[in-house]
């Protein structure tokens, strides 16, 4: 390899190490975000559940007031029965009281049904709260893991970034810009070695995508210190020393 390709290859080694650190950081960050979304969804579910519980309780309270009012009315009818002066008056009061009792019984049935629903809602709420607590704990653990990893790799990352800057100073600006673009597109893997596929034939492929490379490109790499890109994957091609000797 010529000087520029040699320097690019050194830069590639550094870039891949940095890419590995970034990839692990990003994986941990995505994991954290996933747990945070789950915790937020569980919180939304818990709030919706709490609203449902409040609505049910308000209905139970309203029915309880209705039952109490009907009991008062029934008691009023009982007192009126003792004061009735005619059979007709007595029968009318008794009929009104029985109607009130029937209505009160229906309201009580509705109230009991709502109370049973409240018990089910309580159990559901406990399950939702437990699920929410789990996701919150997972998110906190993921946050701690991410922070610990960043702290653990900070020194290595700083050293690698310094090495990258040192190599970049030795590479012409346009070529370094090209390298950076290809590296971003391929998760740091900006270069690919040229591989000879048969010991007795001049058949070559890109080590990055396994697509054929023309002899024109191969000859240019062997004779000139210039940049050649794979026509398929766009990586910067180079000859590994072992391949170049074949």
C-alpha atoms as a PDB file:
ATOM      1  CA  UNK A   1       0.000   0.000   0.000  1.00  0.00           C
ATOM      2  CA  UNK A   2       1.079   3.569  -0.633  1.00  0.00           C
ATOM      3  CA  UNK A   3       1.475   6.071   2.198  1.00  0.00           C
ATOM      4  CA  UNK A   4      -2.061   7.451   1.978  1.00  0.00           C
ATOM      5  CA  UNK A   5      -3.701   4.014   1.924  1.00  0.00           C
ATOM      6  CA  UNK A   6      -1.391   2.883   4.726  1.00  0.00           C
ATOM      7  CA  UNK A   7      -2.478   5.826   6.841  1.00  0.00           C
ATOM      8  CA  UNK A   8      -6.114   5.209   5.953  1.00  0.00           C
ATOM      9  CA  UNK A   9      -5.737   1.597   7.023  1.00  0.00           C
ATOM     10  CA  UNK A  10      -4.356   2.688  10.400  1.00  0.00           C
ATOM     11  CA  UNK A  11      -7.234   5.134  10.671  1.00  0.00           C
ATOM     12  CA  UNK A  12      -9.640   2.312   9.825  1.00  0.00           C
ATOM     13  CA  UNK A  13      -8.396   0.229  12.765  1.00  0.00           C
ATOM     14  CA  UNK A  14      -8.992   3.143  15.121  1.00  0.00           C
ATOM     15  CA  UNK A  15     -12.380   3.916  13.570  1.00  0.00           C
ATOM     16  CA  UNK A  16     -13.579   0.351  13.990  1.00  0.00           C
ATOM     17  CA  UNK A  17     -12.663   0.385  17.679  1.00  0.00           C
ATOM     18  CA  UNK A  18     -14.525   3.667  18.117  1.00  0.00           C
ATOM     19  CA  UNK A  19     -17.473   2.289  16.158  1.00  0.00           C
ATOM     20  CA  UNK A  20     -17.585  -0.728  18.458  1.00  0.00           C
ATOM     21  CA  UNK A  21     -17.729   1.554  21.507  1.00  0.00           C
ATOM     22  CA  UNK A  22     -20.427   3.690  19.874  1.00  0.00           C
ATOM     23  CA  UNK A  23     -22.419   0.620  18.864  1.00  0.00           C
ATOM     24  CA  UNK A  24     -22.408  -0.759  22.408  1.00  0.00           C
ATOM     25  CA  UNK A  25     -23.341   2.681  23.764  1.00  0.00           C
ATOM     26  CA  UNK A  26     -26.185   2.962  21.259  1.00  0.00           C
ATOM     27  CA  UNK A  27     -27.436  -0.543  22.088  1.00  0.00           C
ATOM     28  CA  UNK A  28     -27.544   0.320  25.775  1.00  0.00           C
ATOM     29  CA  UNK A  29     -29.204   3.672  25.017  1.00  0.00           C
ATOM     30  CA  UNK A  30     -31.879   1.954  22.899  1.00  0.00           C
ATOM     31  CA  UNK A  31     -32.465  -0.558  25.684  1.00  0.00           C
ATOM     32  CA  UNK A  32     -32.909   2.315  28.141  1.00  0.00           C
ATOM     33  CA  UNK A  33     -35.332   4.059  25.802  1.00  0.00           C
ATOM     34  CA  UNK A  34     -37.310   0.848  25.372  1.00  0.00           C
ATOM     35  CA  UNK A  35     -37.735   0.443  29.133  1.00  0.00           C
ATOM     36  CA  UNK A  36     -38.635   4.122  29.490  1.00  0.00           C
ATOM     37  CA  UNK A  37     -41.365   3.789  26.859  1.00  0.00           C
ATOM     38  CA  UNK A  38     -42.738   0.736  28.630  1.00  0.00           C
ATOM     39  CA  UNK A  39     -42.729   2.592  31.947  1.00  0.00           C
ATOM     40  CA  UNK A  40     -44.525   5.549  30.340  1.00  0.00           C
ATOM     41  CA  UNK A  41     -47.109   3.228  28.787  1.00  0.00           C
ATOM     42  CA  UNK A  42     -47.645   1.511  32.132  1.00  0.00           C
ATOM     43  CA  UNK A  43     -48.018   4.928  33.796  1.00  0.00           C
ATOM     44  CA  UNK A  44     -50.608   5.962  31.198  1.00  0.00           C
ATOM     45  CA  UNK A  45     -52.450   2.706  31.824  1.00  0.00           C
ATOM     46  CA  UNK A  46     -52.291   3.274  35.583  1.00  0.00           C
ATOM     47  CA  UNK A  47     -53.706   6.798  35.218  1.00  0.00           C
ATOM     48  CA  UNK A  48     -56.520   5.572  32.977  1.00  0.00           C
ATOM     49  CA  UNK A  49     -57.258   2.809  35.460  1.00  0.00           C
ATOM     50  CA  UNK A  50     -57.326   5.319  38.315  1.00  0.00           C
ATOM     51  CA  UNK A  51     -59.853   7.417  36.390  1.00  0.00           C
ATOM     52  CA  UNK A  52     -62.026   4.326  35.885  1.00  0.00           C
ATOM     53  CA  UNK A  53     -61.860   3.546  39.610  1.00  0.00           C
ATOM     54  CA  UNK A  54     -62.837   7.114  40.514  1.00  0.00           C
ATOM     55  CA  UNK A  55     -65.788   6.994  38.098  1.00  0.00           C
ATOM     56  CA  UNK A  56     -66.994   3.684  39.573  1.00  0.00           C
ATOM     57  CA  UNK A  57     -66.641   5.007  43.112  1.00  0.00           C
ATOM     58  CA  UNK A  58     -68.622   8.129  42.253  1.00  0.00           C
ATOM     59  CA  UNK A  59     -71.405   5.913  40.874  1.00  0.00           C
ATOM     60  CA  UNK A  60     -71.340   3.773  44.022  1.00  0.00           C
ATOM     61  CA  UNK A  61     -71.508   6.892  46.206  1.00  0.00           C
ATOM     62  CA  UNK A  62     -74.420   8.226  44.158  1.00  0.00           C
ATOM     63  CA  UNK A  63     -76.251   4.888  44.439  1.00  0.00           C
ATOM     64  CA  UNK A  64     -75.579   4.805  48.199  1.00  0.00           C
ATOM     65  CA  UNK A  65     -77.176   8.239  48.553  1.00  0.00           C
ATOM     66  CA  UNK A  66     -80.099   7.065  46.426  1.00  0.00           C
ATOM     67  CA  UNK A  67     -80.551   3.968  48.616  1.00  0.00           C
ATOM     68  CA  UNK A  68     -80.445   6.078  51.788  1.00  0.00           C
ATOM     69  CA  UNK A  69     -83.026   8.475  50.372  1.00  0.00           C
ATOM     70  CA  UNK A  70     -85.302   5.560  49.423  1.00  0.00           C
ATOM     71  CA  UNK A  71     -84.924   4.052  52.908  1.00  0.00           C
ATOM     72  CA  UNK A  72     -86.029   7.357  54.377  1.00  0.00           C
ATOM     73  CA  UNK A  73     -89.011   7.360  52.040  1.00  0.00           C
ATOM     74  CA  UNK A  74     -89.901   3.768  52.979  1.00  0.00           C
ATOM     75  CA  UNK A  75     -89.722   4.661  56.670  1.00  0.00           C
ATOM     76  CA  UNK A  76     -91.943   7.652  55.948  1.00  0.00           C
ATOM     77  CA  UNK A  77     -94.441   5.278  54.314  1.00  0.00           C
ATOM     78  CA  UNK A  78     -94.321   2.958  57.347  1.00  0.00           C
ATOM     79  CA  UNK A  79     -95.174   5.824  59.634  1.00  0.00           C
ATOM     80  CA  UNK A  80     -97.949   6.898  57.265  1.00  0.00           C
ATOM     81  CA  UNK A  81     -99.423   3.393  57.346  1.00  0.00           C
ATOM     82  CA  UNK A  82     -99.950   3.651  61.091  1.00  0.00           C
ATOM     83  CA  UNK A  83    -101.846   6.866  60.568  1.00  0.00           C
ATOM     84  CA  UNK A  84    -104.006   5.791  57.645  1.00  0.00           C
ATOM     85  CA  UNK A  85    -107.707   6.383  58.354  1.00  0.00           C
ATOM     86  CA  UNK A  86    -109.276   4.339  55.562  1.00  0.00           C
ATOM     87  CA  UNK A  87    -108.555   1.099  53.791  1.00  0.00           C
ATOM     88  CA  UNK A  88    -108.190   2.965  50.524  1.00  0.00           C
ATOM     89  CA  UNK A  89    -105.594   5.328  52.007  1.00  0.00           C
ATOM     90  CA  UNK A  90    -103.801   2.390  53.603  1.00  0.00           C
ATOM     91  CA  UNK A  91    -103.707   0.485  50.303  1.00  0.00           C
ATOM     92  CA  UNK A  92    -102.319   3.502  48.415  1.00  0.00           C
ATOM     93  CA  UNK A  93     -99.559   4.048  50.966  1.00  0.00           C
ATOM     94  CA  UNK A  94     -98.709   0.312  50.978  1.00  0.00           C
ATOM     95  CA  UNK A  95     -98.523   0.257  47.178  1.00  0.00           C
ATOM     96  CA  UNK A  96     -96.221   3.290  47.144  1.00  0.00           C
ATOM     97  CA  UNK A  97     -94.031   1.703  49.812  1.00  0.00           C
ATOM     98  CA  UNK A  98     -93.767  -1.602  47.906  1.00  0.00           C
ATOM     99  CA  UNK A  99     -92.856   0.271  44.715  1.00  0.00           C
ATOM    100  CA  UNK A 100     -90.182   2.160  46.648  1.00  0.00           C
ATOM    101  CA  UNK A 101     -88.854  -1.127  48.071  1.00  0.00           C
ATOM    102  CA  UNK A 102     -88.693  -2.709  44.604  1.00  0.00           C
ATOM    103  CA  UNK A 103     -86.849   0.308  43.203  1.00  0.00           C
ATOM    104  CA  UNK A 104     -84.537   0.340  46.211  1.00  0.00           C
ATOM    105  CA  UNK A 105     -83.792  -3.366  45.735  1.00  0.00           C
ATOM    106  CA  UNK A 106     -82.844  -2.745  42.103  1.00  0.00           C
ATOM    107  CA  UNK A 107     -80.537   0.125  43.094  1.00  0.00           C
ATOM    108  CA  UNK A 108     -78.942  -2.084  45.769  1.00  0.00           C
ATOM    109  CA  UNK A 109     -78.353  -4.800  43.157  1.00  0.00           C
ATOM    110  CA  UNK A 110     -76.653  -2.249  40.898  1.00  0.00           C
ATOM    111  CA  UNK A 111     -74.535  -1.035  43.807  1.00  0.00           C
ATOM    112  CA  UNK A 112     -73.466  -4.577  44.728  1.00  0.00           C
ATOM    113  CA  UNK A 113     -72.503  -5.260  41.116  1.00  0.00           C
ATOM    114  CA  UNK A 114     -70.392  -2.104  41.054  1.00  0.00           C
ATOM    115  CA  UNK A 115     -68.739  -3.113  44.326  1.00  0.00           C
ATOM    116  CA  UNK A 116     -67.816  -6.475  42.808  1.00  0.00           C
ATOM    117  CA  UNK A 117     -66.392  -4.633  39.807  1.00  0.00           C
ATOM    118  CA  UNK A 118     -64.394  -2.451  42.190  1.00  0.00           C
ATOM    119  CA  UNK A 119     -62.798  -5.549  43.710  1.00  0.00           C
ATOM    120  CA  UNK A 120     -61.784  -6.731  40.244  1.00  0.00           C
ATOM    121  CA  UNK A 121     -60.519  -3.244  39.434  1.00  0.00           C
ATOM    122  CA  UNK A 122     -58.461  -3.261  42.627  1.00  0.00           C
ATOM    123  CA  UNK A 123     -56.756  -6.494  41.620  1.00  0.00           C
ATOM    124  CA  UNK A 124     -56.171  -5.174  38.098  1.00  0.00           C
ATOM    125  CA  UNK A 125     -54.744  -1.958  39.526  1.00  0.00           C
ATOM    126  CA  UNK A 126     -52.309  -3.893  41.698  1.00  0.00           C
ATOM    127  CA  UNK A 127     -51.120  -5.820  38.631  1.00  0.00           C
ATOM    128  CA  UNK A 128     -50.708  -2.587  36.644  1.00  0.00           C
ATOM    129  CA  UNK A 129     -48.762  -0.971  39.487  1.00  0.00           C
ATOM    130  CA  UNK A 130     -46.492  -4.024  39.755  1.00  0.00           C
ATOM    131  CA  UNK A 131     -45.849  -3.949  36.010  1.00  0.00           C
ATOM    132  CA  UNK A 132     -45.119  -0.235  36.124  1.00  0.00           C
ATOM    133  CA  UNK A 133     -42.709  -0.701  39.044  1.00  0.00           C
ATOM    134  CA  UNK A 134     -40.890  -3.418  37.097  1.00  0.00           C
ATOM    135  CA  UNK A 135     -40.448  -1.218  34.029  1.00  0.00           C
ATOM    136  CA  UNK A 136     -39.306   1.727  36.155  1.00  0.00           C
ATOM    137  CA  UNK A 137     -36.749  -0.516  37.887  1.00  0.00           C
ATOM    138  CA  UNK A 138     -35.590  -1.862  34.504  1.00  0.00           C
ATOM    139  CA  UNK A 139     -35.199   1.698  33.192  1.00  0.00           C
ATOM    140  CA  UNK A 140     -33.186   2.730  36.256  1.00  0.00           C
ATOM    141  CA  UNK A 141     -30.927  -0.320  35.881  1.00  0.00           C
ATOM    142  CA  UNK A 142     -30.466   0.396  32.163  1.00  0.00           C
ATOM    143  CA  UNK A 143     -29.616   4.040  32.941  1.00  0.00           C
ATOM    144  CA  UNK A 144     -26.996   2.935  35.464  1.00  0.00           C
ATOM    145  CA  UNK A 145     -25.569   0.404  32.995  1.00  0.00           C
ATOM    146  CA  UNK A 146     -25.277   3.063  30.283  1.00  0.00           C
ATOM    147  CA  UNK A 147     -23.598   5.539  32.617  1.00  0.00           C
ATOM    148  CA  UNK A 148     -21.230   2.847  33.894  1.00  0.00           C
ATOM    149  CA  UNK A 149     -20.284   1.834  30.341  1.00  0.00           C
ATOM    150  CA  UNK A 150     -19.649   5.438  29.290  1.00  0.00           C
ATOM    151  CA  UNK A 151     -17.461   5.967  32.343  1.00  0.00           C
ATOM    152  CA  UNK A 152     -15.654   2.676  31.756  1.00  0.00           C
ATOM    153  CA  UNK A 153     -14.869   3.491  28.110  1.00  0.00           C
ATOM    154  CA  UNK A 154     -14.241   7.222  28.502  1.00  0.00           C
ATOM    155  CA  UNK A 155     -10.460   6.911  28.737  1.00  0.00           C
ATOM    156  CA  UNK A 156     -10.218   4.482  25.807  1.00  0.00           C
ATOM    157  CA  UNK A 157     -12.570   6.612  23.708  1.00  0.00           C
ATOM    158  CA  UNK A 158     -10.559   9.759  24.398  1.00  0.00           C
ATOM    159  CA  UNK A 159      -7.307   8.007  23.463  1.00  0.00           C
ATOM    160  CA  UNK A 160      -8.806   6.609  20.265  1.00  0.00           C
ATOM    161  CA  UNK A 161     -10.203   9.995  19.271  1.00  0.00           C
ATOM    162  CA  UNK A 162      -6.729  11.479  19.763  1.00  0.00           C
ATOM    163  CA  UNK A 163      -5.251   8.748  17.552  1.00  0.00           C
ATOM    164  CA  UNK A 164      -7.889   9.369  14.927  1.00  0.00           C
ATOM    165  CA  UNK A 165      -7.041  13.077  14.902  1.00  0.00           C
ATOM    166  CA  UNK A 166      -3.336  12.240  14.543  1.00  0.00           C
ATOM    167  CA  UNK A 167      -3.949  10.015  11.542  1.00  0.00           C
ATOM    168  CA  UNK A 168      -6.364  12.514  10.016  1.00  0.00           C
ATOM    169  CA  UNK A 169      -3.645  15.183   9.991  1.00  0.00           C
ATOM    170  CA  UNK A 170      -1.595  13.003   7.640  1.00  0.00           C
ATOM    171  CA  UNK A 171      -4.424  12.463   5.167  1.00  0.00           C
ATOM    172  CA  UNK A 172      -5.513  15.069   2.577  1.00  0.00           C
ATOM    173  CA  UNK A 173      -8.760  16.773   3.580  1.00  0.00           C
ATOM    174  CA  UNK A 174     -10.948  15.571   0.667  1.00  0.00           C
ATOM    175  CA  UNK A 175      -9.811  11.967   1.166  1.00  0.00           C
ATOM    176  CA  UNK A 176     -10.453  12.134   4.900  1.00  0.00           C
ATOM    177  CA  UNK A 177     -13.923  13.563   4.245  1.00  0.00           C
ATOM    178  CA  UNK A 178     -14.610  10.687   1.841  1.00  0.00           C
ATOM    179  CA  UNK A 179     -13.365   8.179   4.427  1.00  0.00           C
ATOM    180  CA  UNK A 180     -15.625   9.701   7.096  1.00  0.00           C
ATOM    181  CA  UNK A 181     -18.684   9.523   4.836  1.00  0.00           C
ATOM    182  CA  UNK A 182     -18.072   5.867   3.992  1.00  0.00           C
ATOM    183  CA  UNK A 183     -17.365   5.062   7.656  1.00  0.00           C
ATOM    184  CA  UNK A 184     -20.672   6.627   8.766  1.00  0.00           C
ATOM    185  CA  UNK A 185     -22.523   4.659   6.124  1.00  0.00           C
ATOM    186  CA  UNK A 186     -20.943   1.330   7.146  1.00  0.00           C
ATOM    187  CA  UNK A 187     -20.737   1.660  10.944  1.00  0.00           C
ATOM    188  CA  UNK A 188     -17.041   2.538  10.885  1.00  0.00           C
ATOM    189  CA  UNK A 189     -16.108  -0.068   8.278  1.00  0.00           C
ATOM    190  CA  UNK A 190     -14.855   2.299   5.567  1.00  0.00           C
ATOM    191  CA  UNK A 191     -12.250   0.044   3.927  1.00  0.00           C
ATOM    192  CA  UNK A 192     -12.255  -3.416   2.395  1.00  0.00           C
ATOM    193  CA  UNK A 193      -9.324  -5.563   1.390  1.00  0.00           C
ATOM    194  CA  UNK A 194      -9.020  -6.899  -2.137  1.00  0.00           C
ATOM    195  CA  UNK A 195      -9.193 -10.702  -2.068  1.00  0.00           C
ATOM    196  CA  UNK A 196      -7.805 -13.010  -4.772  1.00  0.00           C
ATOM    197  CA  UNK A 197     -10.259 -15.856  -5.294  1.00  0.00           C
ATOM    198  CA  UNK A 198      -8.016 -18.240  -7.239  1.00  0.00           C
ATOM    199  CA  UNK A 199      -4.243 -18.696  -6.915  1.00  0.00           C
ATOM    200  CA  UNK A 200      -3.718 -19.169 -10.653  1.00  0.00           C
ATOM    201  CA  UNK A 201      -6.215 -16.675 -12.042  1.00  0.00           C
ATOM    202  CA  UNK A 202      -6.422 -12.917 -11.741  1.00  0.00           C
ATOM    203  CA  UNK A 203      -9.858 -12.967 -10.162  1.00  0.00           C
ATOM    204  CA  UNK A 204     -10.450 -10.499  -7.337  1.00  0.00           C
ATOM    205  CA  UNK A 205     -13.344  -9.560  -5.101  1.00  0.00           C
ATOM    206  CA  UNK A 206     -14.117  -6.890  -2.522  1.00  0.00           C
ATOM    207  CA  UNK A 207     -13.651  -8.292   0.978  1.00  0.00           C
ATOM    208  CA  UNK A 208     -16.548  -6.142   2.172  1.00  0.00           C
ATOM    209  CA  UNK A 209     -19.323  -7.236  -0.187  1.00  0.00           C
ATOM    210  CA  UNK A 210     -17.739 -10.148  -2.139  1.00  0.00           C
ATOM    211  CA  UNK A 211     -18.447  -8.503  -5.491  1.00  0.00           C
ATOM    212  CA  UNK A 212     -15.955  -8.733  -8.373  1.00  0.00           C
ATOM    213  CA  UNK A 213     -13.300  -6.063  -8.838  1.00  0.00           C
ATOM    214  CA  UNK A 214     -12.014  -5.207 -12.297  1.00  0.00           C
ATOM    215  CA  UNK A 215      -8.376  -5.678 -13.230  1.00  0.00           C
ATOM    216  CA  UNK A 216      -8.220  -1.965 -13.975  1.00  0.00           C
ATOM    217  CA  UNK A 217      -8.935  -1.185 -10.334  1.00  0.00           C
ATOM    218  CA  UNK A 218      -6.523  -3.902  -9.189  1.00  0.00           C
ATOM    219  CA  UNK A 219      -3.721  -2.520 -11.388  1.00  0.00           C
ATOM    220  CA  UNK A 220      -4.367   1.010 -10.120  1.00  0.00           C
ATOM    221  CA  UNK A 221      -4.053  -0.173  -6.531  1.00  0.00           C
ATOM    222  CA  UNK A 222      -0.872  -2.090  -7.307  1.00  0.00           C
ATOM    223  CA  UNK A 223       0.831   0.732  -9.148  1.00  0.00           C
ATOM    224  CA  UNK A 224      -0.487   4.008  -7.726  1.00  0.00           C
ATOM    225  CA  UNK A 225      -1.139   5.410  -4.257  1.00  0.00           C
ATOM    226  CA  UNK A 226      -4.665   6.573  -4.954  1.00  0.00           C
ATOM    227  CA  UNK A 227      -8.171   5.926  -3.774  1.00  0.00           C
ATOM    228  CA  UNK A 228     -10.238   3.261  -5.473  1.00  0.00           C
ATOM    229  CA  UNK A 229     -13.781   2.534  -4.345  1.00  0.00           C
ATOM    230  CA  UNK A 230     -15.732  -0.663  -4.650  1.00  0.00           C
ATOM    231  CA  UNK A 231     -18.383  -0.067  -7.286  1.00  0.00           C
ATOM    232  CA  UNK A 232     -20.923  -2.055  -5.259  1.00  0.00           C
ATOM    233  CA  UNK A 233     -20.559  -1.148  -1.570  1.00  0.00           C
ATOM    234  CA  UNK A 234     -18.529   2.068  -1.929  1.00  0.00           C
ATOM    235  CA  UNK A 235     -15.783   1.039   0.501  1.00  0.00           C
ATOM    236  CA  UNK A 236     -12.202   2.205  -0.010  1.00  0.00           C
ATOM    237  CA  UNK A 237     -10.225  -0.715  -1.412  1.00  0.00           C
ATOM    238  CA  UNK A 238      -6.727  -1.762  -0.373  1.00  0.00           C
ATOM    239  CA  UNK A 239      -4.415  -4.720  -0.822  1.00  0.00           C
ATOM    240  CA  UNK A 240      -3.570  -6.648   2.299  1.00  0.00           C
ATOM    241  CA  UNK A 241       0.130  -7.503   2.279  1.00  0.00           C
ATOM    242  CA  UNK A 242      -0.493 -11.236   1.983  1.00  0.00           C
ATOM    243  CA  UNK A 243      -2.765 -10.733  -1.007  1.00  0.00           C
ATOM    244  CA  UNK A 244      -0.438  -8.256  -2.687  1.00  0.00           C
ATOM    245  CA  UNK A 245       2.374 -10.846  -2.775  1.00  0.00           C
ATOM    246  CA  UNK A 246       0.284 -13.450  -4.651  1.00  0.00           C
END
